[in-house]
Amino acid sequence: MNPANGLNWRSRCARPCRLFAAPLLAAALFGLPSRSQAESVDSELLLLVDVSKDGLKKNDFDTLMSGYASAFTSSSVIDAIASGAAGRIAISLMFFGGSPSQSLGIPWMSISNEAEAQMFAGQLTSLARPSNGNYTFADAMGAGIPSFGTETGAAGNGFESPVQMVQVGAVSRPNGSTKADEAASQQALASGIDLISAVVLGKKADAIESYYRDSIVGGTVGLISGSVVSTDLSSRFTLTMEEQLSGHLGAAAAVPESSAVLLFASSLGVLLMLRRRTSH
């Protein structure tokens, strides 16, 4: 190629390439403008709570909500939330097994400090137990998956994160077939859910723990795998929730935002390419 033509090409390319690289680098460092309306969080956590006919009775329901409230306002959980790059999570609560079979208890909201955790706790303890219905886990997961928003291919929910998690709180084995439950969990994981865990409660907890372990839970976040624990509705429940939540949220906080990392790497590559070209 004629050196003069090569020089002209570099001159013509340098400014447009710089114009292209600068927005990429800014987007990697500060976030894409087109996504600026969504709040960045370290993880999104959906609590799915069983209110089926064989599920929680009113007194047990109130105890469960109080246990959740105590766990989320504990120092261990708040410290786990604060350990992330964003220092905040998004959380929502959905009932299943009621009438209708899925109903929203608490819309998506963020928790980044003790005051916001106390707000969430206040909403938990003011919830009324929905009326009884049939517990269909597959339908519950079908309703829960799109609630995560763009990460699972649905409309935005106001938050964006690298990690999506579901925690099931149940006191009975789901109605319906094992095959349908397994398929629902696999579909959730294939759709973008990273981790499904479960807490089984009450007198039947030991009997149904193996079912949830074999058919419901799955996925991984960092070194944490989907798991199921059983506990009664006593002070031990609050401690169990603290342990599981702090472990899961801490693992989620350690997972980098892959899209931002890739975007930064792409931007850096463009800048290095320009530097090599302009140095010749």
Protein backbone atom coordinates (compact mmCIF):
# COMPACT_ATOMS: atom_id res chain seq x y z
CA MET A 1 0.00 0.00 0.00
CA ASN A 2 1.26 3.53 -0.81
CA PRO A 3 2.67 5.08 2.41
CA ALA A 4 0.81 8.27 1.69
CA ASN A 5 -2.43 6.33 1.35
CA GLY A 6 -1.67 4.54 4.63
CA LEU A 7 -1.07 7.90 6.32
CA ASN A 8 -4.30 9.26 4.90
CA TRP A 9 -6.15 6.16 6.10
CA ARG A 10 -4.77 6.54 9.62
CA SER A 11 -5.69 10.21 9.63
CA ARG A 12 -9.20 9.46 8.46
CA CYS A 13 -9.62 6.61 10.96
CA ALA A 14 -8.02 8.12 14.02
CA ARG A 15 -10.69 10.66 14.91
CA PRO A 16 -13.75 8.40 14.26
CA CYS A 17 -12.09 5.55 16.16
CA ARG A 18 -11.32 7.85 19.06
CA LEU A 19 -14.93 9.01 19.00
CA PHE A 20 -16.03 5.37 19.07
CA ALA A 21 -13.62 4.34 21.82
CA ALA A 22 -14.38 7.19 24.21
CA PRO A 23 -18.07 6.33 24.67
CA LEU A 24 -17.16 2.68 25.10
CA LEU A 25 -14.67 3.49 27.82
CA ALA A 26 -17.08 5.88 29.52
CA ALA A 27 -19.84 3.29 29.34
CA ALA A 28 -17.59 0.66 30.88
CA LEU A 29 -16.62 2.95 33.74
CA PHE A 30 -19.89 4.76 34.38
CA GLY A 31 -22.63 2.59 32.85
CA LEU A 32 -24.42 2.61 29.53
CA PRO A 33 -26.68 5.65 29.06
CA SER A 34 -29.43 3.47 27.63
CA ARG A 35 -29.49 1.47 30.89
CA SER A 36 -29.21 4.48 33.18
CA GLN A 37 -32.84 4.33 34.27
CA ALA A 38 -32.27 0.98 35.98
CA GLU A 39 -30.60 0.92 39.40
CA SER A 40 -27.47 -1.22 39.56
CA VAL A 41 -27.50 -3.77 42.38
CA ASP A 42 -25.27 -6.72 43.23
CA SER A 43 -28.10 -9.25 43.13
CA GLU A 44 -31.85 -9.63 42.81
CA LEU A 45 -33.56 -11.99 45.24
CA LEU A 46 -37.13 -13.24 44.95
CA LEU A 47 -38.73 -14.83 48.01
CA LEU A 48 -41.45 -17.36 47.07
CA VAL A 49 -43.66 -18.10 50.07
CA ASP A 50 -46.04 -21.06 50.29
CA VAL A 51 -49.61 -20.17 51.28
CA SER A 52 -51.32 -23.29 49.98
CA LYS A 53 -54.06 -25.20 51.80
CA ASP A 54 -51.41 -27.46 53.31
CA GLY A 55 -49.07 -24.52 53.82
CA LEU A 56 -48.62 -21.94 56.51
CA LYS A 57 -51.50 -21.25 58.86
CA LYS A 58 -52.00 -17.68 60.03
CA ASN A 59 -49.95 -17.92 63.23
CA ASP A 60 -47.14 -19.70 61.40
CA PHE A 61 -47.34 -17.14 58.60
CA ASP A 62 -46.92 -14.27 61.06
CA THR A 63 -43.99 -16.07 62.68
CA LEU A 64 -42.37 -16.60 59.26
CA MET A 65 -42.70 -12.94 58.30
CA SER A 66 -41.24 -11.89 61.65
CA GLY A 67 -38.37 -14.32 61.13
CA TYR A 68 -37.65 -12.88 57.68
CA ALA A 69 -37.78 -9.37 59.15
CA SER A 70 -35.31 -10.24 61.90
CA ALA A 71 -32.96 -11.94 59.44
CA PHE A 72 -32.87 -9.06 56.98
CA THR A 73 -32.19 -6.52 59.71
CA SER A 74 -29.40 -8.58 61.26
CA SER A 75 -25.84 -7.24 61.10
CA SER A 76 -24.59 -10.33 59.25
CA VAL A 77 -27.06 -9.89 56.38
CA ILE A 78 -26.57 -6.12 56.17
CA ASP A 79 -22.79 -6.63 56.16
CA ALA A 80 -23.14 -9.18 53.34
CA ILE A 81 -25.19 -6.69 51.32
CA ALA A 82 -22.66 -3.91 51.93
CA SER A 83 -19.77 -6.12 50.79
CA GLY A 84 -20.77 -5.91 47.13
CA ALA A 85 -19.48 -3.52 44.50
CA ALA A 86 -22.82 -1.69 44.44
CA GLY A 87 -23.46 -2.24 48.14
CA ARG A 88 -27.15 -2.94 47.57
CA ILE A 89 -29.54 -5.69 46.52
CA ALA A 90 -33.04 -5.73 45.07
CA ILE A 91 -35.67 -7.92 46.70
CA SER A 92 -39.28 -8.91 46.14
CA LEU A 93 -41.72 -11.31 47.76
CA MET A 94 -44.33 -13.35 45.92
CA PHE A 95 -46.93 -15.71 47.36
CA PHE A 96 -47.95 -18.90 45.66
CA GLY A 97 -50.69 -21.36 46.37
CA GLY A 98 -53.19 -18.63 47.19
CA SER A 99 -56.09 -17.26 45.16
CA PRO A 100 -55.00 -16.24 42.57
CA SER A 101 -52.27 -18.85 42.57
CA GLN A 102 -49.58 -16.18 42.43
CA SER A 103 -49.89 -12.79 44.08
CA LEU A 104 -47.32 -10.13 44.78
CA GLY A 105 -46.62 -9.41 48.43
CA ILE A 106 -43.83 -6.83 48.12
CA PRO A 107 -42.79 -5.25 44.79
CA TRP A 108 -39.11 -5.01 43.90
CA MET A 109 -37.25 -2.60 46.19
CA SER A 110 -33.61 -2.00 47.08
CA ILE A 111 -31.82 -2.58 50.36
CA SER A 112 -28.46 -0.92 50.91
CA ASN A 113 -28.41 -0.01 54.59
CA GLU A 114 -30.10 -0.64 57.92
CA ALA A 115 -32.80 1.99 57.36
CA GLU A 116 -33.91 0.36 54.08
CA ALA A 117 -33.72 -3.07 55.71
CA GLN A 118 -36.03 -1.79 58.44
CA MET A 119 -38.45 -0.52 55.78
CA PHE A 120 -38.51 -3.96 54.19
CA ALA A 121 -38.99 -5.56 57.60
CA GLY A 122 -41.93 -3.27 58.28
CA GLN A 123 -43.60 -4.34 55.04
CA LEU A 124 -43.01 -8.00 55.89
CA THR A 125 -44.67 -7.78 59.29
CA SER A 126 -47.65 -5.87 57.91
CA LEU A 127 -48.48 -8.45 55.22
CA ALA A 128 -51.77 -10.31 55.46
CA ARG A 129 -51.85 -13.98 54.58
CA PRO A 130 -53.65 -14.54 51.25
CA SER A 131 -56.56 -16.96 51.07
CA ASN A 132 -55.89 -20.65 50.54
CA GLY A 133 -55.50 -22.25 47.16
CA ASN A 134 -53.51 -24.97 45.43
CA TYR A 135 -49.74 -25.00 45.61
CA THR A 136 -48.41 -25.31 42.04
CA PHE A 137 -44.67 -24.82 42.02
CA ALA A 138 -44.43 -24.80 38.22
CA ASP A 139 -46.94 -21.94 37.98
CA ALA A 140 -45.13 -20.06 40.74
CA MET A 141 -41.81 -20.26 38.92
CA GLY A 142 -43.53 -19.34 35.67
CA ALA A 143 -44.74 -16.13 37.31
CA GLY A 144 -41.48 -15.50 39.14
CA ILE A 145 -39.06 -15.75 36.20
CA PRO A 146 -40.26 -12.65 34.26
CA SER A 147 -40.39 -10.58 37.45
CA PHE A 148 -36.59 -10.34 37.31
CA GLY A 149 -36.87 -8.19 34.21
CA THR A 150 -34.31 -7.86 31.44
CA GLU A 151 -31.98 -10.51 32.88
CA THR A 152 -34.60 -13.17 32.17
CA GLY A 153 -35.79 -11.68 28.88
CA ALA A 154 -38.77 -9.74 30.23
CA ALA A 155 -39.63 -6.06 30.65
CA GLY A 156 -37.39 -4.17 33.07
CA ASN A 157 -38.20 -4.20 36.78
CA GLY A 158 -36.15 -1.09 37.61
CA PHE A 159 -33.03 -2.99 38.66
CA GLU A 160 -30.08 -4.63 36.93
CA SER A 161 -27.65 -7.09 38.44
CA PRO A 162 -25.22 -9.87 37.54
CA VAL A 163 -26.93 -12.37 39.88
CA GLN A 164 -30.56 -13.50 40.12
CA MET A 165 -31.68 -15.75 42.99
CA VAL A 166 -34.88 -17.42 44.17
CA GLN A 167 -35.48 -18.66 47.70
CA VAL A 168 -38.52 -20.87 48.29
CA GLY A 169 -40.10 -20.95 51.74
CA ALA A 170 -42.47 -23.92 52.06
CA VAL A 171 -44.04 -26.28 54.56
CA SER A 172 -45.35 -28.94 52.19
CA ARG A 173 -44.46 -30.85 49.07
CA PRO A 174 -45.83 -29.19 45.93
CA ASN A 175 -49.01 -30.48 44.33
CA GLY A 176 -48.48 -31.77 40.83
CA SER A 177 -45.92 -34.05 39.27
CA THR A 178 -42.24 -34.33 40.11
CA LYS A 179 -41.48 -34.08 36.40
CA ALA A 180 -43.26 -30.71 36.14
CA ASP A 181 -41.43 -29.36 39.20
CA GLU A 182 -38.05 -30.43 37.88
CA ALA A 183 -38.83 -28.94 34.47
CA ALA A 184 -39.88 -25.64 36.08
CA SER A 185 -36.59 -25.38 37.99
CA GLN A 186 -34.56 -26.23 34.90
CA GLN A 187 -36.48 -23.66 32.87
CA ALA A 188 -35.80 -21.02 35.51
CA LEU A 189 -32.07 -21.74 35.46
CA ALA A 190 -32.02 -21.76 31.65
CA SER A 191 -33.86 -18.41 31.58
CA GLY A 192 -31.21 -16.61 33.61
CA ILE A 193 -31.87 -17.49 37.27
CA ASP A 194 -28.48 -18.28 38.82
CA LEU A 195 -29.49 -19.91 42.09
CA ILE A 196 -32.59 -21.58 43.55
CA SER A 197 -32.52 -22.44 47.25
CA ALA A 198 -35.20 -23.49 49.69
CA VAL A 199 -36.08 -23.33 53.37
CA VAL A 200 -38.59 -26.00 54.43
CA LEU A 201 -40.41 -25.37 57.66
CA GLY A 202 -42.62 -26.97 60.24
CA LYS A 203 -43.40 -30.52 61.32
CA LYS A 204 -43.02 -32.02 57.84
CA ALA A 205 -39.69 -30.33 57.13
CA ASP A 206 -37.51 -33.42 57.51
CA ALA A 207 -39.86 -35.49 55.36
CA ILE A 208 -39.91 -33.07 52.41
CA GLU A 209 -36.30 -31.85 52.54
CA SER A 210 -35.10 -34.55 50.16
CA TYR A 211 -37.81 -33.69 47.61
CA TYR A 212 -36.75 -30.06 47.42
CA ARG A 213 -33.10 -31.05 47.27
CA ASP A 214 -33.67 -33.51 44.41
CA SER A 215 -36.31 -31.68 42.38
CA ILE A 216 -36.34 -27.96 43.16
CA VAL A 217 -33.00 -26.39 44.10
CA GLY A 218 -30.11 -25.84 41.71
CA GLY A 219 -27.60 -23.46 40.19
CA THR A 220 -24.47 -21.87 41.60
CA VAL A 221 -23.25 -18.42 42.57
CA GLY A 222 -19.51 -18.27 43.18
CA LEU A 223 -18.77 -21.22 45.46
CA ILE A 224 -22.39 -21.45 46.71
CA SER A 225 -24.68 -24.08 45.21
CA GLY A 226 -28.45 -24.24 45.43
CA SER A 227 -29.35 -25.97 48.69
CA VAL A 228 -32.24 -26.75 51.00
CA VAL A 229 -32.31 -26.47 54.78
CA SER A 230 -35.03 -27.55 57.19
CA THR A 231 -35.94 -25.80 60.41
CA ASP A 232 -38.82 -25.20 62.76
CA LEU A 233 -40.52 -21.84 63.21
CA SER A 234 -38.59 -20.85 66.30
CA SER A 235 -35.63 -18.61 66.98
CA ARG A 236 -33.58 -21.21 65.12
CA PHE A 237 -35.39 -20.20 61.93
CA THR A 238 -34.09 -16.64 62.16
CA LEU A 239 -30.54 -17.91 62.65
CA THR A 240 -30.92 -20.32 59.72
CA MET A 241 -32.14 -17.50 57.50
CA GLU A 242 -29.26 -15.25 58.56
CA GLU A 243 -26.74 -17.97 57.73
CA GLN A 244 -28.22 -18.81 54.36
CA LEU A 245 -28.90 -15.23 53.27
CA SER A 246 -25.52 -13.87 54.34
CA GLY A 247 -23.79 -16.75 52.57
CA HIS A 248 -25.75 -16.32 49.35
CA LEU A 249 -25.58 -12.52 49.31
CA GLY A 250 -21.88 -12.57 50.14
CA ALA A 251 -21.24 -14.96 47.26
CA ALA A 252 -23.31 -12.81 44.93
CA ALA A 253 -21.36 -9.72 45.97
CA ALA A 254 -18.15 -11.43 44.87
CA VAL A 255 -19.43 -12.10 41.33
CA PRO A 256 -18.27 -9.34 38.93
CA GLU A 257 -20.59 -7.61 36.48
CA SER A 258 -19.45 -9.57 33.44
CA SER A 259 -20.94 -7.21 30.86
CA ALA A 260 -19.12 -4.23 32.36
CA VAL A 261 -15.86 -6.19 32.47
CA LEU A 262 -16.22 -7.22 28.84
CA LEU A 263 -17.15 -3.70 27.79
CA PHE A 264 -14.14 -2.27 29.59
CA ALA A 265 -11.87 -4.86 27.97
CA SER A 266 -13.30 -4.01 24.54
CA SER A 267 -12.75 -0.31 25.13
CA LEU A 268 -9.20 -0.88 26.29
CA GLY A 269 -8.55 -3.00 23.22
CA VAL A 270 -9.73 -0.21 20.91
CA LEU A 271 -7.52 2.33 22.65
CA LEU A 272 -4.48 0.04 22.41
CA MET A 273 -5.18 -0.53 18.71
CA LEU A 274 -5.29 3.24 18.13
CA ARG A 275 -2.05 3.69 20.04
CA ARG A 276 -0.29 1.08 17.93
CA ARG A 277 -1.58 2.60 14.69
CA THR A 278 -0.69 6.17 15.57
CA SER A 279 2.80 5.16 16.70
CA HIS A 280 3.73 3.84 13.23
